Amino acid sequence: MRRDDLWLADIVDSAGAIEAYTAGLTLEAFLTSDMVRDAVLMRLVGIGEACAAVSADVKERHPEVPWQKVKDFRNLAVHAYFSVDWPVVWGLASRRVPELAEQVARILDEE
């Protein structure tokens, strides 16, 4: 079984990639770039997979992280790809992912 610190590092790494992919973009630019949208969504799916794989012990010690919501978004993105609401993805990428990355980085420092 893979260690929690590796899953947590994956979350931080994917968040950094999302930040790089979207640097300097507006919502309008994001919406017109299939490549950026697909890359961001793929990284969000990976973050959801990692959140699902983190042990229950870590999740219990860190309830401030929205583990289930991230996993739920991953399930929506994978199973209902053609109904993805791209402005919602933009909001996640530009606001929520940086917050998640900070929370998870703190966990990595503490654990």
N, C-alpha and C. Protein backbone atom coordinates (compact mmCIF):
# COMPACT_ATOMS: atom_id res chain seq x y z
N MET A 1 0.83 -1.18 0.00
CA MET A 1 0.00 0.00 0.00
C MET A 1 0.88 1.25 0.00
N ARG A 2 0.50 2.23 -0.78
CA ARG A 2 1.26 3.46 -0.91
C ARG A 2 1.10 4.31 0.36
N ARG A 3 2.17 4.98 0.74
CA ARG A 3 2.16 5.79 1.96
C ARG A 3 1.39 7.09 1.77
N ASP A 4 0.81 7.57 2.87
CA ASP A 4 0.04 8.82 2.83
C ASP A 4 0.87 10.00 2.36
N ASP A 5 2.11 10.07 2.79
CA ASP A 5 2.91 11.23 2.39
C ASP A 5 3.08 11.33 0.89
N LEU A 6 3.09 10.19 0.20
CA LEU A 6 3.20 10.21 -1.26
C LEU A 6 1.91 10.71 -1.90
N TRP A 7 0.77 10.27 -1.36
CA TRP A 7 -0.52 10.78 -1.87
C TRP A 7 -0.63 12.28 -1.63
N LEU A 8 -0.23 12.71 -0.46
CA LEU A 8 -0.30 14.13 -0.12
C LEU A 8 0.62 14.96 -1.01
N ALA A 9 1.81 14.43 -1.27
CA ALA A 9 2.73 15.11 -2.17
C ALA A 9 2.16 15.19 -3.58
N ASP A 10 1.45 14.16 -4.01
CA ASP A 10 0.79 14.19 -5.33
C ASP A 10 -0.21 15.34 -5.41
N ILE A 11 -0.95 15.55 -4.32
CA ILE A 11 -1.94 16.64 -4.29
C ILE A 11 -1.24 17.98 -4.46
N VAL A 12 -0.18 18.20 -3.70
CA VAL A 12 0.56 19.46 -3.77
C VAL A 12 1.18 19.64 -5.16
N ASP A 13 1.75 18.57 -5.71
CA ASP A 13 2.35 18.65 -7.04
C ASP A 13 1.31 18.98 -8.11
N SER A 14 0.16 18.33 -8.05
CA SER A 14 -0.88 18.60 -9.04
C SER A 14 -1.43 20.01 -8.89
N ALA A 15 -1.54 20.48 -7.66
CA ALA A 15 -1.98 21.86 -7.44
C ALA A 15 -0.99 22.84 -8.07
N GLY A 16 0.29 22.55 -7.93
CA GLY A 16 1.31 23.40 -8.54
C GLY A 16 1.22 23.39 -10.06
N ALA A 17 0.93 22.23 -10.62
CA ALA A 17 0.77 22.14 -12.07
C ALA A 17 -0.43 22.94 -12.53
N ILE A 18 -1.53 22.86 -11.80
CA ILE A 18 -2.73 23.63 -12.14
C ILE A 18 -2.42 25.12 -12.09
N GLU A 19 -1.68 25.53 -11.08
CA GLU A 19 -1.31 26.95 -10.98
C GLU A 19 -0.48 27.37 -12.20
N ALA A 20 0.45 26.53 -12.61
CA ALA A 20 1.28 26.85 -13.77
C ALA A 20 0.44 26.89 -15.06
N TYR A 21 -0.47 25.94 -15.21
CA TYR A 21 -1.30 25.89 -16.41
C TYR A 21 -2.19 27.13 -16.54
N THR A 22 -2.63 27.67 -15.42
CA THR A 22 -3.60 28.75 -15.45
C THR A 22 -2.98 30.13 -15.18
N ALA A 23 -1.69 30.18 -14.96
CA ALA A 23 -1.03 31.46 -14.65
C ALA A 23 -1.31 32.49 -15.74
N GLY A 24 -1.80 33.63 -15.32
CA GLY A 24 -2.05 34.72 -16.25
C GLY A 24 -3.32 34.60 -17.07
N LEU A 25 -4.06 33.53 -16.89
CA LEU A 25 -5.29 33.35 -17.66
C LEU A 25 -6.48 34.00 -16.98
N THR A 26 -7.42 34.41 -17.79
CA THR A 26 -8.73 34.84 -17.31
C THR A 26 -9.68 33.67 -17.51
N LEU A 27 -10.87 33.80 -16.95
CA LEU A 27 -11.89 32.79 -17.19
C LEU A 27 -12.14 32.62 -18.68
N GLU A 28 -12.23 33.72 -19.40
CA GLU A 28 -12.50 33.66 -20.83
C GLU A 28 -11.40 32.90 -21.58
N ALA A 29 -10.15 33.17 -21.24
CA ALA A 29 -9.04 32.47 -21.89
C ALA A 29 -9.07 30.98 -21.54
N PHE A 30 -9.38 30.67 -20.29
CA PHE A 30 -9.49 29.28 -19.87
C PHE A 30 -10.58 28.57 -20.68
N LEU A 31 -11.73 29.22 -20.83
CA LEU A 31 -12.85 28.60 -21.53
C LEU A 31 -12.57 28.35 -23.01
N THR A 32 -11.67 29.11 -23.59
CA THR A 32 -11.39 28.94 -25.01
C THR A 32 -10.22 28.00 -25.30
N SER A 33 -9.56 27.50 -24.27
CA SER A 33 -8.42 26.61 -24.48
C SER A 33 -8.76 25.18 -24.06
N ASP A 34 -9.07 24.35 -25.05
CA ASP A 34 -9.36 22.95 -24.76
C ASP A 34 -8.19 22.28 -24.05
N MET A 35 -6.98 22.59 -24.48
CA MET A 35 -5.80 21.94 -23.91
C MET A 35 -5.65 22.28 -22.42
N VAL A 36 -5.79 23.55 -22.08
CA VAL A 36 -5.65 23.94 -20.67
C VAL A 36 -6.79 23.34 -19.85
N ARG A 37 -8.01 23.42 -20.36
CA ARG A 37 -9.15 22.85 -19.62
C ARG A 37 -8.92 21.37 -19.36
N ASP A 38 -8.52 20.64 -20.39
CA ASP A 38 -8.29 19.20 -20.23
C ASP A 38 -7.17 18.91 -19.25
N ALA A 39 -6.09 19.68 -19.33
CA ALA A 39 -4.96 19.48 -18.41
C ALA A 39 -5.37 19.75 -16.97
N VAL A 40 -6.10 20.83 -16.75
CA VAL A 40 -6.54 21.17 -15.40
C VAL A 40 -7.49 20.09 -14.87
N LEU A 41 -8.43 19.68 -15.71
CA LEU A 41 -9.38 18.67 -15.26
C LEU A 41 -8.67 17.36 -14.94
N MET A 42 -7.69 16.99 -15.73
CA MET A 42 -6.96 15.75 -15.46
C MET A 42 -6.24 15.84 -14.11
N ARG A 43 -5.65 16.98 -13.83
CA ARG A 43 -4.97 17.15 -12.54
C ARG A 43 -5.98 17.15 -11.38
N LEU A 44 -7.16 17.72 -11.60
CA LEU A 44 -8.20 17.68 -10.57
C LEU A 44 -8.65 16.25 -10.30
N VAL A 45 -8.73 15.45 -11.36
CA VAL A 45 -9.08 14.04 -11.20
C VAL A 45 -8.00 13.34 -10.37
N GLY A 46 -6.74 13.63 -10.68
CA GLY A 46 -5.65 13.04 -9.90
C GLY A 46 -5.69 13.46 -8.44
N ILE A 47 -6.02 14.71 -8.19
CA ILE A 47 -6.16 15.18 -6.80
C ILE A 47 -7.28 14.42 -6.11
N GLY A 48 -8.38 14.21 -6.81
CA GLY A 48 -9.49 13.45 -6.24
C GLY A 48 -9.10 12.02 -5.92
N GLU A 49 -8.34 11.41 -6.82
CA GLU A 49 -7.86 10.04 -6.57
C GLU A 49 -6.97 10.01 -5.33
N ALA A 50 -6.09 10.98 -5.22
CA ALA A 50 -5.18 11.01 -4.07
C ALA A 50 -5.96 11.25 -2.77
N CYS A 51 -6.93 12.15 -2.82
CA CYS A 51 -7.75 12.39 -1.61
C CYS A 51 -8.49 11.13 -1.19
N ALA A 52 -8.98 10.38 -2.16
CA ALA A 52 -9.69 9.14 -1.84
C ALA A 52 -8.75 8.11 -1.22
N ALA A 53 -7.47 8.14 -1.62
CA ALA A 53 -6.53 7.12 -1.18
C ALA A 53 -5.87 7.43 0.17
N VAL A 54 -5.92 8.67 0.60
CA VAL A 54 -5.33 9.02 1.90
C VAL A 54 -6.05 8.23 2.99
N SER A 55 -5.29 7.77 3.94
CA SER A 55 -5.85 6.91 4.99
C SER A 55 -6.91 7.63 5.83
N ALA A 56 -7.81 6.84 6.36
CA ALA A 56 -8.86 7.37 7.24
C ALA A 56 -8.24 8.05 8.46
N ASP A 57 -7.12 7.55 8.92
CA ASP A 57 -6.45 8.13 10.08
C ASP A 57 -6.05 9.58 9.81
N VAL A 58 -5.44 9.83 8.67
CA VAL A 58 -5.04 11.20 8.31
C VAL A 58 -6.27 12.07 8.13
N LYS A 59 -7.28 11.54 7.48
CA LYS A 59 -8.51 12.31 7.26
C LYS A 59 -9.18 12.68 8.58
N GLU A 60 -9.16 11.78 9.53
CA GLU A 60 -9.76 12.06 10.84
C GLU A 60 -8.98 13.13 11.59
N ARG A 61 -7.65 13.11 11.45
CA ARG A 61 -6.82 14.10 12.13
C ARG A 61 -6.89 15.48 11.46
N HIS A 62 -7.38 15.52 10.22
CA HIS A 62 -7.40 16.77 9.47
C HIS A 62 -8.76 16.97 8.79
N PRO A 63 -9.79 17.16 9.61
CA PRO A 63 -11.14 17.33 9.05
C PRO A 63 -11.34 18.67 8.33
N GLU A 64 -10.38 19.58 8.46
CA GLU A 64 -10.48 20.86 7.77
C GLU A 64 -10.34 20.72 6.25
N VAL A 65 -9.76 19.62 5.82
CA VAL A 65 -9.59 19.36 4.39
C VAL A 65 -10.88 18.74 3.85
N PRO A 66 -11.41 19.25 2.76
CA PRO A 66 -12.67 18.72 2.23
C PRO A 66 -12.46 17.43 1.42
N TRP A 67 -11.95 16.40 2.06
CA TRP A 67 -11.58 15.15 1.38
C TRP A 67 -12.73 14.62 0.52
N GLN A 68 -13.91 14.51 1.12
CA GLN A 68 -15.05 13.90 0.41
C GLN A 68 -15.52 14.77 -0.75
N LYS A 69 -15.53 16.07 -0.58
CA LYS A 69 -15.95 16.96 -1.67
C LYS A 69 -15.01 16.85 -2.86
N VAL A 70 -13.73 16.75 -2.59
CA VAL A 70 -12.75 16.62 -3.68
C VAL A 70 -12.96 15.29 -4.40
N LYS A 71 -13.15 14.25 -3.63
CA LYS A 71 -13.43 12.94 -4.23
C LYS A 71 -14.73 12.97 -5.03
N ASP A 72 -15.75 13.61 -4.50
CA ASP A 72 -17.03 13.69 -5.21
C ASP A 72 -16.88 14.43 -6.53
N PHE A 73 -16.09 15.50 -6.54
CA PHE A 73 -15.86 16.21 -7.80
C PHE A 73 -15.15 15.31 -8.80
N ARG A 74 -14.18 14.56 -8.33
CA ARG A 74 -13.48 13.62 -9.21
C ARG A 74 -14.46 12.65 -9.85
N ASN A 75 -15.39 12.12 -9.06
CA ASN A 75 -16.37 11.18 -9.60
C ASN A 75 -17.25 11.84 -10.65
N LEU A 76 -17.66 13.05 -10.41
CA LEU A 76 -18.46 13.78 -11.38
C LEU A 76 -17.67 13.99 -12.67
N ALA A 77 -16.43 14.43 -12.54
CA ALA A 77 -15.61 14.71 -13.72
C ALA A 77 -15.38 13.46 -14.56
N VAL A 78 -15.20 12.34 -13.91
CA VAL A 78 -14.92 11.10 -14.63
C VAL A 78 -16.18 10.50 -15.23
N HIS A 79 -17.25 10.53 -14.49
CA HIS A 79 -18.46 9.83 -14.93
C HIS A 79 -19.43 10.70 -15.70
N ALA A 80 -19.26 12.01 -15.62
CA ALA A 80 -20.15 12.92 -16.34
C ALA A 80 -19.33 13.98 -17.06
N TYR A 81 -18.27 13.55 -17.72
CA TYR A 81 -17.32 14.47 -18.34
C TYR A 81 -17.99 15.47 -19.26
N PHE A 82 -18.94 15.02 -20.06
CA PHE A 82 -19.55 15.91 -21.04
C PHE A 82 -20.55 16.89 -20.43
N SER A 83 -20.79 16.79 -19.13
CA SER A 83 -21.62 17.79 -18.48
C SER A 83 -20.85 18.61 -17.46
N VAL A 84 -19.53 18.61 -17.58
CA VAL A 84 -18.70 19.40 -16.68
C VAL A 84 -19.02 20.88 -16.89
N ASP A 85 -19.18 21.58 -15.79
CA ASP A 85 -19.44 23.02 -15.82
C ASP A 85 -18.07 23.72 -15.74
N TRP A 86 -17.58 24.19 -16.87
CA TRP A 86 -16.22 24.71 -16.94
C TRP A 86 -15.99 25.95 -16.07
N PRO A 87 -16.95 26.86 -15.93
CA PRO A 87 -16.71 27.95 -14.97
C PRO A 87 -16.53 27.45 -13.53
N VAL A 88 -17.19 26.36 -13.18
CA VAL A 88 -16.99 25.76 -11.85
C VAL A 88 -15.57 25.22 -11.76
N VAL A 89 -15.10 24.56 -12.80
CA VAL A 89 -13.72 24.04 -12.82
C VAL A 89 -12.74 25.20 -12.65
N TRP A 90 -13.00 26.30 -13.35
CA TRP A 90 -12.14 27.49 -13.21
C TRP A 90 -12.12 27.97 -11.76
N GLY A 91 -13.27 28.04 -11.14
CA GLY A 91 -13.33 28.47 -9.75
C GLY A 91 -12.55 27.55 -8.83
N LEU A 92 -12.67 26.26 -9.06
CA LEU A 92 -11.89 25.31 -8.27
C LEU A 92 -10.40 25.52 -8.49
N ALA A 93 -10.02 25.63 -9.75
CA ALA A 93 -8.60 25.76 -10.08
C ALA A 93 -8.00 27.06 -9.55
N SER A 94 -8.76 28.13 -9.63
CA SER A 94 -8.20 29.43 -9.26
C SER A 94 -8.34 29.78 -7.79
N ARG A 95 -9.33 29.21 -7.11
CA ARG A 95 -9.54 29.57 -5.71
C ARG A 95 -9.39 28.40 -4.74
N ARG A 96 -10.03 27.31 -5.02
CA ARG A 96 -10.07 26.20 -4.06
C ARG A 96 -8.79 25.36 -4.06
N VAL A 97 -8.22 25.13 -5.23
CA VAL A 97 -7.01 24.30 -5.29
C VAL A 97 -5.85 24.94 -4.53
N PRO A 98 -5.62 26.24 -4.65
CA PRO A 98 -4.54 26.83 -3.84
C PRO A 98 -4.78 26.66 -2.33
N GLU A 99 -6.02 26.79 -1.90
CA GLU A 99 -6.34 26.57 -0.48
C GLU A 99 -6.05 25.13 -0.08
N LEU A 100 -6.48 24.20 -0.92
CA LEU A 100 -6.24 22.78 -0.65
C LEU A 100 -4.74 22.50 -0.58
N ALA A 101 -3.99 23.06 -1.50
CA ALA A 101 -2.53 22.84 -1.51
C ALA A 101 -1.89 23.33 -0.22
N GLU A 102 -2.34 24.49 0.27
CA GLU A 102 -1.80 25.02 1.53
C GLU A 102 -2.14 24.09 2.70
N GLN A 103 -3.38 23.62 2.75
CA GLN A 103 -3.78 22.71 3.82
C GLN A 103 -2.95 21.43 3.79
N VAL A 104 -2.79 20.87 2.61
CA VAL A 104 -2.07 19.60 2.49
C VAL A 104 -0.58 19.78 2.75
N ALA A 105 -0.02 20.91 2.31
CA ALA A 105 1.39 21.18 2.60
C ALA A 105 1.63 21.26 4.10
N ARG A 106 0.68 21.86 4.83
CA ARG A 106 0.80 21.92 6.29
C ARG A 106 0.77 20.52 6.90
N ILE A 107 -0.09 19.66 6.36
CA ILE A 107 -0.16 18.29 6.85
C ILE A 107 1.18 17.60 6.62
N LEU A 108 1.74 17.76 5.44
CA LEU A 108 3.04 17.14 5.14
C LEU A 108 4.11 17.63 6.11
N ASP A 109 4.08 18.90 6.45
CA ASP A 109 5.05 19.44 7.41
C ASP A 109 4.86 18.86 8.81
N GLU A 110 3.58 18.64 9.18
CA GLU A 110 3.27 18.15 10.53
C GLU A 110 3.48 16.64 10.69
N GLU A 111 3.20 15.90 9.67
CA GLU A 111 3.17 14.43 9.79
C GLU A 111 4.55 13.82 9.71
